[in-house]
C-alpha atoms as a PDB file:
ATOM      1  CA  MET A   1     -51.516  16.649  20.574  1.00  0.00           C
ATOM      2  CA  THR A   2     -53.709  14.113  22.382  1.00  0.00           C
ATOM      3  CA  ILE A   3     -54.882  14.577  25.979  1.00  0.00           C
ATOM      4  CA  PHE A   4     -52.534  11.746  27.001  1.00  0.00           C
ATOM      5  CA  GLU A   5     -49.577  13.565  25.421  1.00  0.00           C
ATOM      6  CA  GLU A   6     -50.634  16.794  27.177  1.00  0.00           C
ATOM      7  CA  ALA A   7     -50.808  14.980  30.516  1.00  0.00           C
ATOM      8  CA  MET A   8     -47.385  13.400  29.954  1.00  0.00           C
ATOM      9  CA  MET A   9     -45.926  16.802  29.067  1.00  0.00           C
ATOM     10  CA  ALA A  10     -47.471  18.433  32.158  1.00  0.00           C
ATOM     11  CA  LYS A  11     -46.038  15.642  34.320  1.00  0.00           C
ATOM     12  CA  SER A  12     -42.616  16.050  32.763  1.00  0.00           C
ATOM     13  CA  LEU A  13     -42.573  19.855  33.043  1.00  0.00           C
ATOM     14  CA  HIS A  14     -43.644  19.879  36.711  1.00  0.00           C
ATOM     15  CA  LYS A  15     -41.889  16.702  37.878  1.00  0.00           C
ATOM     16  CA  ALA A  16     -39.027  18.325  39.817  1.00  0.00           C
ATOM     17  CA  GLU A  17     -41.316  20.841  41.522  1.00  0.00           C
ATOM     18  CA  ILE A  18     -43.819  18.226  42.696  1.00  0.00           C
ATOM     19  CA  LEU A  19     -41.250  15.592  43.683  1.00  0.00           C
ATOM     20  CA  SER A  20     -39.473  18.163  45.877  1.00  0.00           C
ATOM     21  CA  ARG A  21     -42.492  18.353  48.198  1.00  0.00           C
ATOM     22  CA  PRO A  22     -42.411  16.369  51.425  1.00  0.00           C
ATOM     23  CA  ASN A  23     -44.409  13.136  51.392  1.00  0.00           C
ATOM     24  CA  VAL A  24     -44.402  12.835  47.565  1.00  0.00           C
ATOM     25  CA  VAL A  25     -42.831   9.587  46.338  1.00  0.00           C
ATOM     26  CA  GLY A  26     -43.789   9.414  42.660  1.00  0.00           C
ATOM     27  CA  LEU A  27     -45.734  10.705  39.670  1.00  0.00           C
ATOM     28  CA  GLY A  28     -47.709   9.099  36.903  1.00  0.00           C
ATOM     29  CA  VAL A  29     -50.492   9.687  34.419  1.00  0.00           C
ATOM     30  CA  GLY A  30     -53.804   7.936  34.886  1.00  0.00           C
ATOM     31  CA  TYR A  31     -57.512   8.360  35.309  1.00  0.00           C
ATOM     32  CA  LYS A  32     -58.648  10.625  38.135  1.00  0.00           C
ATOM     33  CA  VAL A  33     -60.437   8.912  41.014  1.00  0.00           C
ATOM     34  CA  SER A  34     -63.398  10.636  42.637  1.00  0.00           C
ATOM     35  CA  GLY A  35     -65.324   9.077  45.500  1.00  0.00           C
ATOM     36  CA  ARG A  36     -63.340   5.829  45.105  1.00  0.00           C
ATOM     37  CA  ARG A  37     -64.468   5.574  41.474  1.00  0.00           C
ATOM     38  CA  GLU A  38     -62.246   5.977  38.462  1.00  0.00           C
ATOM     39  CA  THR A  39     -63.424   8.726  36.106  1.00  0.00           C
ATOM     40  CA  ASP A  40     -62.679   9.124  32.400  1.00  0.00           C
ATOM     41  CA  GLU A  41     -60.539  12.223  33.049  1.00  0.00           C
ATOM     42  CA  LEU A  42     -56.791  11.822  32.579  1.00  0.00           C
ATOM     43  CA  SER A  43     -54.762  13.425  35.338  1.00  0.00           C
ATOM     44  CA  VAL A  44     -51.253  13.763  36.668  1.00  0.00           C
ATOM     45  CA  MET A  45     -51.298  11.282  39.527  1.00  0.00           C
ATOM     46  CA  VAL A  46     -49.240  12.180  42.582  1.00  0.00           C
ATOM     47  CA  MET A  47     -48.226   9.299  44.832  1.00  0.00           C
ATOM     48  CA  VAL A  48     -47.659  10.105  48.491  1.00  0.00           C
ATOM     49  CA  ARG A  49     -46.388   8.149  51.492  1.00  0.00           C
ATOM     50  CA  GLN A  50     -49.537   9.020  53.418  1.00  0.00           C
ATOM     51  CA  LYS A  51     -52.619  10.977  52.345  1.00  0.00           C
ATOM     52  CA  LEU A  52     -52.969  13.926  54.694  1.00  0.00           C
ATOM     53  CA  PRO A  53     -55.839  16.383  55.168  1.00  0.00           C
ATOM     54  CA  PRO A  54     -55.119  19.722  53.438  1.00  0.00           C
ATOM     55  CA  ILE A  55     -55.434  21.609  56.730  1.00  0.00           C
ATOM     56  CA  SER A  56     -52.385  19.776  58.107  1.00  0.00           C
ATOM     57  CA  LEU A  57     -50.133  20.939  55.227  1.00  0.00           C
ATOM     58  CA  LEU A  58     -48.276  24.184  54.695  1.00  0.00           C
ATOM     59  CA  ALA A  59     -49.517  25.960  51.567  1.00  0.00           C
ATOM     60  CA  GLU A  60     -46.210  25.343  49.776  1.00  0.00           C
ATOM     61  CA  ASP A  61     -46.367  21.603  50.562  1.00  0.00           C
ATOM     62  CA  ALA A  62     -49.879  21.072  49.192  1.00  0.00           C
ATOM     63  CA  ILE A  63     -50.269  19.465  45.763  1.00  0.00           C
ATOM     64  CA  PRO A  64     -51.578  21.963  43.187  1.00  0.00           C
ATOM     65  CA  LEU A  65     -55.061  21.221  41.838  1.00  0.00           C
ATOM     66  CA  GLU A  66     -53.648  21.255  38.300  1.00  0.00           C
ATOM     67  CA  VAL A  67     -50.352  21.508  36.455  1.00  0.00           C
ATOM     68  CA  GLY A  68     -50.019  22.640  32.864  1.00  0.00           C
ATOM     69  CA  GLY A  69     -53.805  22.707  32.498  1.00  0.00           C
ATOM     70  CA  ILE A  70     -54.144  19.051  33.601  1.00  0.00           C
ATOM     71  CA  ARG A  71     -55.806  18.252  36.933  1.00  0.00           C
ATOM     72  CA  THR A  72     -53.874  16.347  39.554  1.00  0.00           C
ATOM     73  CA  ASP A  73     -55.011  13.357  41.555  1.00  0.00           C
END
């Protein structure tokens, strides 16, 4: 299985869980962005209405750092 297929599978398996969180509006697979620069690492991309600082979120509302072994962005 390719890394793209793994990322798609991780997105699919965790879709309902992530979409149920407040502020989340969509999911995709793409290259992780770090410091406003696109990296070469595929990730499960989580789209939100508004990016909020982690301290303002309840633990259960925060986006996990990875799902299915694939990092999130």
